[in-house]
Every structure is written in C-alpha cells, then in structure tokens.
N, C-alpha and C. Protein backbone atom coordinates (compact mmCIF):
# COMPACT_ATOMS: atom_id res chain seq x y z
N MET A 1 52.66 59.11 16.28
CA MET A 1 51.76 60.09 15.72
C MET A 1 51.02 59.45 14.54
N ALA A 2 49.74 59.76 14.44
CA ALA A 2 48.92 59.22 13.35
C ALA A 2 49.38 59.82 12.02
N LEU A 3 49.23 59.03 10.98
CA LEU A 3 49.66 59.46 9.65
C LEU A 3 48.92 60.71 9.18
N TYR A 4 47.64 60.76 9.46
CA TYR A 4 46.87 61.91 9.00
C TYR A 4 47.31 63.19 9.72
N ASP A 5 47.65 63.08 10.99
CA ASP A 5 48.17 64.24 11.72
C ASP A 5 49.48 64.71 11.10
N ALA A 6 50.32 63.75 10.71
CA ALA A 6 51.59 64.10 10.05
C ALA A 6 51.31 64.81 8.74
N TRP A 7 50.30 64.35 7.99
CA TRP A 7 49.93 65.00 6.73
C TRP A 7 49.50 66.45 6.98
N LYS A 8 48.64 66.63 7.96
CA LYS A 8 48.15 67.99 8.25
C LYS A 8 49.30 68.91 8.65
N ARG A 9 50.28 68.36 9.38
CA ARG A 9 51.39 69.20 9.82
C ARG A 9 52.27 69.66 8.67
N ILE A 10 52.42 68.81 7.63
CA ILE A 10 53.26 69.25 6.50
C ILE A 10 52.46 70.00 5.45
N ALA A 11 51.14 69.74 5.37
CA ALA A 11 50.32 70.31 4.31
C ALA A 11 49.77 71.70 4.64
N PHE A 12 49.78 72.06 5.93
CA PHE A 12 49.22 73.35 6.35
C PHE A 12 50.23 74.07 7.24
N ASP A 13 50.28 75.39 7.08
CA ASP A 13 51.19 76.17 7.92
C ASP A 13 50.53 76.44 9.28
N THR A 14 51.19 77.19 10.12
CA THR A 14 50.69 77.42 11.48
C THR A 14 49.39 78.21 11.51
N GLN A 15 49.08 78.94 10.44
CA GLN A 15 47.80 79.67 10.36
C GLN A 15 46.70 78.84 9.69
N GLY A 16 47.02 77.59 9.36
CA GLY A 16 46.03 76.71 8.74
C GLY A 16 45.91 76.88 7.24
N GLN A 17 46.82 77.62 6.63
CA GLN A 17 46.80 77.83 5.18
C GLN A 17 47.56 76.70 4.49
N PRO A 18 47.12 76.28 3.30
CA PRO A 18 47.82 75.21 2.58
C PRO A 18 49.24 75.63 2.20
N VAL A 19 50.16 74.68 2.29
CA VAL A 19 51.54 74.90 1.86
C VAL A 19 51.59 74.52 0.38
N LYS A 20 51.75 75.52 -0.48
CA LYS A 20 51.59 75.34 -1.93
C LYS A 20 52.44 74.22 -2.51
N HIS A 21 53.74 74.19 -2.24
CA HIS A 21 54.59 73.18 -2.87
C HIS A 21 54.24 71.76 -2.41
N VAL A 22 53.78 71.62 -1.17
CA VAL A 22 53.36 70.30 -0.67
C VAL A 22 52.11 69.85 -1.41
N TRP A 23 51.15 70.75 -1.54
CA TRP A 23 49.90 70.42 -2.22
C TRP A 23 50.12 70.18 -3.72
N ASP A 24 50.96 70.97 -4.35
CA ASP A 24 51.24 70.77 -5.78
C ASP A 24 51.82 69.37 -6.01
N ASP A 25 52.75 68.97 -5.15
CA ASP A 25 53.35 67.64 -5.25
C ASP A 25 52.29 66.55 -5.03
N TYR A 26 51.51 66.71 -3.97
CA TYR A 26 50.50 65.70 -3.66
C TYR A 26 49.45 65.60 -4.77
N LEU A 27 48.96 66.73 -5.25
CA LEU A 27 47.89 66.71 -6.26
C LEU A 27 48.34 66.06 -7.56
N SER A 28 49.61 66.23 -7.93
CA SER A 28 50.09 65.56 -9.14
C SER A 28 50.14 64.05 -8.92
N GLN A 29 50.51 63.63 -7.72
CA GLN A 29 50.53 62.19 -7.41
C GLN A 29 49.10 61.63 -7.34
N GLU A 30 48.20 62.39 -6.74
CA GLU A 30 46.81 61.97 -6.63
C GLU A 30 46.20 61.77 -8.02
N LYS A 31 46.51 62.69 -8.92
CA LYS A 31 45.99 62.60 -10.30
C LYS A 31 46.45 61.31 -10.96
N LYS A 32 47.72 60.93 -10.76
CA LYS A 32 48.24 59.68 -11.32
C LYS A 32 47.50 58.47 -10.76
N VAL A 33 47.20 58.50 -9.47
CA VAL A 33 46.48 57.38 -8.84
C VAL A 33 45.09 57.26 -9.45
N TYR A 34 44.39 58.39 -9.59
CA TYR A 34 43.05 58.34 -10.17
C TYR A 34 43.10 57.89 -11.63
N LYS A 35 44.10 58.32 -12.37
CA LYS A 35 44.23 57.87 -13.76
C LYS A 35 44.37 56.35 -13.81
N GLU A 36 45.17 55.79 -12.89
CA GLU A 36 45.34 54.34 -12.85
C GLU A 36 44.06 53.63 -12.45
N ILE A 37 43.39 54.13 -11.42
CA ILE A 37 42.13 53.52 -10.97
C ILE A 37 41.10 53.54 -12.08
N LEU A 38 40.96 54.69 -12.76
CA LEU A 38 39.95 54.81 -13.80
C LEU A 38 40.31 54.02 -15.05
N SER A 39 41.56 54.06 -15.46
CA SER A 39 41.94 53.35 -16.68
C SER A 39 41.82 51.83 -16.51
N GLN A 40 42.06 51.34 -15.30
CA GLN A 40 41.93 49.90 -15.04
C GLN A 40 40.56 49.53 -14.49
N LYS A 41 39.71 50.55 -14.31
CA LYS A 41 38.36 50.37 -13.77
C LYS A 41 38.39 49.57 -12.46
N LEU A 42 39.30 49.97 -11.57
CA LEU A 42 39.46 49.31 -10.28
C LEU A 42 38.37 49.76 -9.32
N GLN A 43 37.36 48.94 -9.16
CA GLN A 43 36.28 49.30 -8.26
C GLN A 43 36.52 48.78 -6.85
N LEU A 44 37.33 47.74 -6.71
CA LEU A 44 37.63 47.18 -5.39
C LEU A 44 39.14 47.12 -5.22
N ILE A 45 39.62 47.85 -4.23
CA ILE A 45 41.05 47.90 -3.93
C ILE A 45 41.19 47.60 -2.45
N GLU A 46 41.97 46.56 -2.11
CA GLU A 46 42.12 46.15 -0.72
C GLU A 46 43.58 45.97 -0.36
N GLY A 47 43.85 46.20 0.91
CA GLY A 47 45.18 45.99 1.46
C GLY A 47 45.41 46.89 2.64
N THR A 48 46.58 46.79 3.24
CA THR A 48 46.89 47.73 4.31
C THR A 48 47.22 49.07 3.68
N LEU A 49 47.21 50.08 4.48
CA LEU A 49 47.53 51.41 3.98
C LEU A 49 48.92 51.40 3.35
N ALA A 50 49.88 50.75 4.00
CA ALA A 50 51.25 50.70 3.47
C ALA A 50 51.30 49.95 2.14
N GLU A 51 50.56 48.85 2.02
CA GLU A 51 50.54 48.08 0.76
C GLU A 51 49.94 48.91 -0.37
N LEU A 52 48.84 49.59 -0.08
CA LEU A 52 48.21 50.42 -1.11
C LEU A 52 49.12 51.57 -1.51
N GLY A 53 49.78 52.16 -0.53
CA GLY A 53 50.73 53.22 -0.84
C GLY A 53 51.84 52.73 -1.75
N GLN A 54 52.33 51.54 -1.46
CA GLN A 54 53.39 50.95 -2.29
C GLN A 54 52.86 50.65 -3.70
N ASN A 55 51.65 50.10 -3.79
CA ASN A 55 51.06 49.78 -5.10
C ASN A 55 50.88 51.02 -5.96
N PHE A 56 50.52 52.14 -5.33
CA PHE A 56 50.27 53.38 -6.07
C PHE A 56 51.46 54.33 -6.05
N ASN A 57 52.57 53.87 -5.48
CA ASN A 57 53.80 54.66 -5.44
C ASN A 57 53.60 55.96 -4.63
N LEU A 58 52.90 55.84 -3.50
CA LEU A 58 52.66 56.96 -2.60
C LEU A 58 53.31 56.66 -1.26
N SER A 59 53.78 57.69 -0.60
CA SER A 59 54.25 57.52 0.79
C SER A 59 53.05 57.20 1.66
N ASN A 60 53.29 56.68 2.85
CA ASN A 60 52.19 56.38 3.76
C ASN A 60 51.41 57.64 4.13
N ILE A 61 52.11 58.73 4.28
CA ILE A 61 51.44 60.00 4.61
C ILE A 61 50.55 60.44 3.45
N HIS A 62 51.05 60.33 2.24
CA HIS A 62 50.23 60.71 1.08
C HIS A 62 49.07 59.74 0.88
N MET A 63 49.27 58.46 1.21
CA MET A 63 48.18 57.49 1.10
C MET A 63 47.08 57.84 2.11
N ALA A 64 47.47 58.29 3.30
CA ALA A 64 46.48 58.71 4.30
C ALA A 64 45.69 59.91 3.76
N ALA A 65 46.38 60.84 3.12
CA ALA A 65 45.71 62.00 2.53
C ALA A 65 44.77 61.56 1.41
N PHE A 66 45.19 60.57 0.62
CA PHE A 66 44.34 60.06 -0.46
C PHE A 66 43.07 59.43 0.12
N VAL A 67 43.21 58.62 1.17
CA VAL A 67 42.05 58.00 1.81
C VAL A 67 41.10 59.07 2.32
N ASP A 68 41.65 60.14 2.89
CA ASP A 68 40.81 61.25 3.35
C ASP A 68 40.04 61.85 2.18
N GLY A 69 40.69 61.99 1.04
CA GLY A 69 40.06 62.61 -0.12
C GLY A 69 38.97 61.77 -0.75
N ILE A 70 39.11 60.45 -0.66
CA ILE A 70 38.15 59.57 -1.33
C ILE A 70 37.07 59.06 -0.38
N HIS A 71 37.17 59.40 0.90
CA HIS A 71 36.29 58.80 1.90
C HIS A 71 34.80 59.01 1.66
N GLU A 72 34.41 60.09 1.01
CA GLU A 72 32.98 60.32 0.79
C GLU A 72 32.42 59.49 -0.37
N ALA A 73 33.30 58.94 -1.19
CA ALA A 73 32.84 58.11 -2.31
C ALA A 73 32.94 56.63 -1.99
N VAL A 74 33.36 56.32 -0.77
CA VAL A 74 33.57 54.93 -0.36
C VAL A 74 32.95 54.74 1.03
N ASP A 75 32.29 53.62 1.22
CA ASP A 75 31.69 53.33 2.53
C ASP A 75 32.66 52.54 3.41
N ASN A 76 32.43 52.61 4.69
CA ASN A 76 33.09 51.76 5.69
C ASN A 76 34.60 51.93 5.78
N LEU A 77 35.09 53.13 5.60
CA LEU A 77 36.52 53.37 5.81
C LEU A 77 36.76 53.70 7.28
N PRO A 78 37.92 53.32 7.81
CA PRO A 78 38.21 53.71 9.19
C PRO A 78 38.39 55.23 9.28
N PRO A 79 38.18 55.79 10.46
CA PRO A 79 38.39 57.24 10.61
C PRO A 79 39.81 57.63 10.23
N VAL A 80 39.96 58.72 9.50
CA VAL A 80 41.28 59.10 8.98
C VAL A 80 42.28 59.38 10.09
N ASP A 81 41.82 59.88 11.23
CA ASP A 81 42.78 60.17 12.29
C ASP A 81 43.25 58.92 13.02
N GLU A 82 42.72 57.75 12.65
CA GLU A 82 43.18 56.48 13.23
C GLU A 82 44.02 55.67 12.25
N LEU A 83 44.29 56.21 11.08
CA LEU A 83 45.03 55.46 10.06
C LEU A 83 46.48 55.23 10.50
N ALA A 84 46.91 54.00 10.31
CA ALA A 84 48.31 53.61 10.56
C ALA A 84 48.76 52.76 9.38
N GLU A 85 50.04 52.48 9.31
CA GLU A 85 50.57 51.71 8.19
C GLU A 85 49.90 50.35 8.04
N ASP A 86 49.52 49.73 9.16
CA ASP A 86 48.92 48.39 9.11
C ASP A 86 47.39 48.40 9.11
N THR A 87 46.78 49.57 8.97
CA THR A 87 45.32 49.67 8.90
C THR A 87 44.82 49.04 7.61
N ALA A 88 43.85 48.13 7.75
CA ALA A 88 43.25 47.48 6.59
C ALA A 88 42.32 48.48 5.89
N ILE A 89 42.52 48.63 4.60
CA ILE A 89 41.72 49.56 3.80
C ILE A 89 41.01 48.76 2.71
N LYS A 90 39.72 49.04 2.56
CA LYS A 90 38.94 48.43 1.48
C LYS A 90 38.24 49.56 0.75
N LEU A 91 38.71 49.85 -0.45
CA LEU A 91 38.11 50.90 -1.27
C LEU A 91 37.15 50.23 -2.26
N ASP A 92 35.88 50.25 -1.94
CA ASP A 92 34.84 49.73 -2.84
C ASP A 92 34.24 50.95 -3.51
N ILE A 93 34.77 51.28 -4.69
CA ILE A 93 34.50 52.58 -5.32
C ILE A 93 33.25 52.55 -6.18
N ASP A 94 32.37 53.49 -5.92
CA ASP A 94 31.20 53.75 -6.75
C ASP A 94 31.60 54.90 -7.67
N PHE A 95 31.84 54.61 -8.94
CA PHE A 95 32.37 55.62 -9.85
C PHE A 95 31.45 56.83 -10.00
N LYS A 96 30.16 56.59 -10.02
CA LYS A 96 29.22 57.71 -10.15
C LYS A 96 29.34 58.64 -8.93
N ARG A 97 29.40 58.06 -7.77
CA ARG A 97 29.53 58.83 -6.53
C ARG A 97 30.88 59.57 -6.50
N LEU A 98 31.92 58.88 -6.97
CA LEU A 98 33.25 59.50 -7.01
C LEU A 98 33.26 60.70 -7.95
N TYR A 99 32.67 60.53 -9.12
CA TYR A 99 32.61 61.62 -10.09
C TYR A 99 31.89 62.83 -9.49
N LYS A 100 30.75 62.57 -8.85
CA LYS A 100 29.98 63.67 -8.26
C LYS A 100 30.74 64.33 -7.12
N GLN A 101 31.50 63.54 -6.35
CA GLN A 101 32.29 64.12 -5.27
C GLN A 101 33.36 65.05 -5.84
N MET A 102 33.97 64.64 -6.94
CA MET A 102 34.98 65.48 -7.58
C MET A 102 34.37 66.79 -8.07
N VAL A 103 33.15 66.70 -8.59
CA VAL A 103 32.45 67.91 -9.04
C VAL A 103 32.16 68.80 -7.84
N GLU A 104 31.66 68.20 -6.76
CA GLU A 104 31.32 68.98 -5.57
C GLU A 104 32.52 69.74 -5.02
N TYR A 105 33.69 69.09 -5.01
CA TYR A 105 34.88 69.73 -4.47
C TYR A 105 35.64 70.55 -5.51
N LYS A 106 35.01 70.73 -6.66
CA LYS A 106 35.58 71.56 -7.73
C LYS A 106 36.97 71.08 -8.13
N ALA A 107 37.14 69.75 -8.17
CA ALA A 107 38.41 69.15 -8.58
C ALA A 107 38.40 68.97 -10.09
N ASN A 108 38.43 70.09 -10.80
CA ASN A 108 38.33 70.11 -12.26
C ASN A 108 39.37 69.20 -12.91
N GLU A 109 40.58 69.18 -12.36
CA GLU A 109 41.64 68.37 -12.94
C GLU A 109 41.37 66.87 -12.78
N LEU A 110 40.41 66.50 -11.92
CA LEU A 110 40.09 65.08 -11.72
C LEU A 110 38.82 64.66 -12.45
N TYR A 111 37.76 65.45 -12.39
CA TYR A 111 36.54 65.01 -13.07
C TYR A 111 36.58 65.24 -14.57
N THR A 112 37.62 65.91 -15.05
CA THR A 112 37.77 66.08 -16.51
C THR A 112 38.83 65.14 -17.09
N LEU A 113 39.32 64.20 -16.29
CA LEU A 113 40.29 63.24 -16.82
C LEU A 113 39.69 62.47 -17.99
N SER A 114 40.48 62.24 -19.01
CA SER A 114 39.99 61.52 -20.19
C SER A 114 39.61 60.07 -19.87
N GLU A 115 40.16 59.52 -18.80
CA GLU A 115 39.86 58.15 -18.41
C GLU A 115 38.39 57.94 -18.03
N TRP A 116 37.71 59.02 -17.66
CA TRP A 116 36.28 58.91 -17.37
C TRP A 116 35.49 58.50 -18.61
N ASP A 117 36.00 58.84 -19.80
CA ASP A 117 35.28 58.55 -21.04
C ASP A 117 35.12 57.05 -21.29
N ASP A 118 35.98 56.23 -20.67
CA ASP A 118 35.85 54.77 -20.80
C ASP A 118 34.89 54.19 -19.76
N ILE A 119 34.45 55.03 -18.83
CA ILE A 119 33.53 54.57 -17.79
C ILE A 119 32.13 55.13 -18.06
N PHE A 120 32.05 56.42 -18.35
CA PHE A 120 30.78 57.08 -18.62
C PHE A 120 30.86 57.82 -19.95
N THR A 121 29.74 57.87 -20.66
CA THR A 121 29.69 58.65 -21.89
C THR A 121 29.76 60.13 -21.51
N PRO A 122 30.15 60.98 -22.46
CA PRO A 122 30.14 62.42 -22.16
C PRO A 122 28.75 62.92 -21.73
N GLU A 123 27.69 62.33 -22.28
CA GLU A 123 26.34 62.72 -21.91
C GLU A 123 26.05 62.37 -20.46
N GLU A 124 26.48 61.15 -20.03
CA GLU A 124 26.29 60.75 -18.64
C GLU A 124 27.08 61.66 -17.70
N GLN A 125 28.30 61.98 -18.09
CA GLN A 125 29.12 62.87 -17.27
C GLN A 125 28.44 64.22 -17.11
N GLN A 126 27.85 64.72 -18.18
CA GLN A 126 27.16 66.01 -18.12
C GLN A 126 25.93 65.92 -17.21
N ILE A 127 25.21 64.81 -17.27
CA ILE A 127 24.05 64.61 -16.41
C ILE A 127 24.48 64.58 -14.94
N PHE A 128 25.55 63.82 -14.65
CA PHE A 128 26.04 63.73 -13.26
C PHE A 128 26.52 65.09 -12.77
N TYR A 129 27.19 65.82 -13.65
CA TYR A 129 27.68 67.16 -13.30
C TYR A 129 26.50 68.06 -12.92
N LYS A 130 25.47 68.07 -13.77
CA LYS A 130 24.31 68.92 -13.52
C LYS A 130 23.56 68.48 -12.26
N GLU A 131 23.42 67.16 -12.06
CA GLU A 131 22.75 66.66 -10.86
C GLU A 131 23.47 67.14 -9.60
N GLN A 132 24.81 67.04 -9.62
CA GLN A 132 25.57 67.44 -8.45
C GLN A 132 25.47 68.94 -8.20
N LYS A 133 25.57 69.72 -9.25
CA LYS A 133 25.47 71.17 -9.09
C LYS A 133 24.07 71.56 -8.59
N LYS A 134 23.06 70.89 -9.11
CA LYS A 134 21.68 71.20 -8.75
C LYS A 134 21.36 70.75 -7.31
N SER A 135 22.07 69.76 -6.80
CA SER A 135 21.76 69.21 -5.48
C SER A 135 21.97 70.22 -4.36
N HIS A 136 22.74 71.27 -4.62
CA HIS A 136 22.98 72.28 -3.60
C HIS A 136 22.27 73.59 -3.89
N THR A 137 21.39 73.59 -4.89
CA THR A 137 20.65 74.78 -5.26
C THR A 137 19.38 74.85 -4.40
N ILE A 138 19.19 75.97 -3.76
CA ILE A 138 18.00 76.17 -2.95
C ILE A 138 16.98 76.94 -3.77
N ILE A 139 15.82 76.34 -3.93
CA ILE A 139 14.75 76.99 -4.69
C ILE A 139 13.70 77.44 -3.70
N ARG A 140 13.49 78.72 -3.64
CA ARG A 140 12.50 79.28 -2.72
C ARG A 140 11.25 79.64 -3.50
N SER A 141 10.13 79.24 -2.92
CA SER A 141 8.89 79.61 -3.58
C SER A 141 8.60 81.08 -3.29
N GLU A 142 7.82 81.67 -4.15
CA GLU A 142 7.50 83.07 -3.97
C GLU A 142 6.60 83.23 -2.74
N LYS A 143 6.90 84.21 -1.93
CA LYS A 143 6.14 84.45 -0.71
C LYS A 143 4.76 85.02 -1.06
N ILE A 144 3.76 84.51 -0.35
CA ILE A 144 2.39 85.00 -0.56
C ILE A 144 2.21 86.26 0.28
N GLY A 145 1.78 87.32 -0.35
CA GLY A 145 1.52 88.56 0.36
C GLY A 145 0.19 88.50 1.11
N ARG A 146 0.07 89.27 2.17
CA ARG A 146 -1.16 89.27 2.98
C ARG A 146 -2.40 89.61 2.16
N ASN A 147 -2.24 90.52 1.20
CA ASN A 147 -3.39 90.98 0.43
C ASN A 147 -3.55 90.27 -0.92
N ASP A 148 -2.73 89.24 -1.15
CA ASP A 148 -2.86 88.45 -2.38
C ASP A 148 -4.04 87.50 -2.25
N PRO A 149 -4.62 87.09 -3.39
CA PRO A 149 -5.70 86.09 -3.32
C PRO A 149 -5.17 84.80 -2.69
N CYS A 150 -6.00 84.16 -1.90
CA CYS A 150 -5.58 82.94 -1.22
C CYS A 150 -5.32 81.83 -2.24
N THR A 151 -4.31 81.03 -1.97
CA THR A 151 -3.92 79.97 -2.90
C THR A 151 -4.91 78.80 -2.89
N CYS A 152 -5.81 78.76 -1.92
CA CYS A 152 -6.77 77.64 -1.85
C CYS A 152 -7.90 77.81 -2.87
N GLY A 153 -8.01 79.01 -3.45
CA GLY A 153 -9.03 79.23 -4.47
C GLY A 153 -10.35 79.75 -3.94
N SER A 154 -10.42 80.17 -2.70
CA SER A 154 -11.68 80.64 -2.09
C SER A 154 -12.12 81.99 -2.63
N GLY A 155 -11.19 82.76 -3.18
CA GLY A 155 -11.51 84.09 -3.67
C GLY A 155 -11.28 85.15 -2.61
N LYS A 156 -11.02 84.75 -1.37
CA LYS A 156 -10.75 85.69 -0.30
C LYS A 156 -9.28 86.10 -0.33
N LYS A 157 -8.98 87.19 0.38
CA LYS A 157 -7.59 87.56 0.56
C LYS A 157 -6.93 86.53 1.47
N TYR A 158 -5.65 86.33 1.25
CA TYR A 158 -4.90 85.34 2.03
C TYR A 158 -5.01 85.61 3.53
N LYS A 159 -4.95 86.89 3.93
CA LYS A 159 -4.98 87.24 5.36
C LYS A 159 -6.32 86.88 6.01
N LYS A 160 -7.40 86.83 5.23
CA LYS A 160 -8.72 86.53 5.75
C LYS A 160 -9.08 85.04 5.61
N CYS A 161 -8.18 84.27 4.97
CA CYS A 161 -8.50 82.87 4.72
C CYS A 161 -7.45 81.98 5.38
N CYS A 162 -6.59 81.37 4.59
CA CYS A 162 -5.59 80.42 5.11
C CYS A 162 -4.48 81.11 5.91
N GLY A 163 -4.28 82.39 5.71
CA GLY A 163 -3.26 83.13 6.46
C GLY A 163 -3.76 83.60 7.81
N ASN A 164 -4.99 83.26 8.15
CA ASN A 164 -5.60 83.69 9.40
C ASN A 164 -5.48 82.57 10.43
N ALA A 165 -4.28 82.11 10.63
CA ALA A 165 -4.10 80.98 11.54
C ALA A 165 -3.56 81.40 12.88
C-alpha cells in the first residue's frame, strides 16, 4: 500500500472527516519541521522519503503527508499517491511561494512563525499576505444599464449605440 493511502486511512474516518488526535499530532510535528527549515534557511532538501523522514524525525507516513502539504510550493515532486520509502525527493523551496501557500490554506500557526522574520521583514510578510488574499478577490465592474449613456462617449443611450449588437 502506498504511504499516502496509509496516511489518508489513519487521518480521516469512514465519512471523510479528519481524525482530531491524528491531525493534532501531525500538525505539531509539521510545525517543528517548518521551524527547522526556516531557521536554517534550507531551500534545497534532497534524499529519499525515508531519509528525509529520519532527518526531520517523522515517520514515513507523516513524511508523505508533509510532501503532500508542501507540494504547491515546490516544483517537480512525484505524485503523492506514488510515494514510497525509496522515492527520491527534492524540495527546492521558494520561501515566498511557501509563505503565500500557508496564507492561502489559512495555516495561521505556520505563516506566523517567528522564524519568518529572519527571511522576510514584517513589511514584506504583510505585502505577501495581502497579495495572496487579493489574488482570489473577484472584482466585478458595474453593469451598464440599457438606458445609461454609452461608455464610448457618443452621447447616445447604450441600447442605441454599442449595446445594439
């Protein structure tokens, strides 16, 4: 059985709901890994899944879950459902992208880690936060009414000018 499938089986109940004690345990371990990565400014981490798990003091199943969590901030990772102990992993981390991913997933306990302060200034963090939040904001322009003046400046009603298509 693939490691990621094993993770899903222990992390979610039969209705697909998260198992709280499993997630609480995993999230505390994940936080420690990110603290280590950020404090040491590790942008390139390589090895097999088992080696990385050993380096970060994670089980192979938890390492598979970690790879799943970081996959959007890292390019060229193998598909998570194909992860095995001997799968070669290369985490080439873009810190800005990682920070924004944490904001997107509302991982407050991760993007507010004090270790970020040694990588980005508080002002940069605020800019990245706002950029990420704004990236999903849909701005709709005001709809032109049929009897409103045409936006082309002709002086005609919209329905008799550009709206007459």
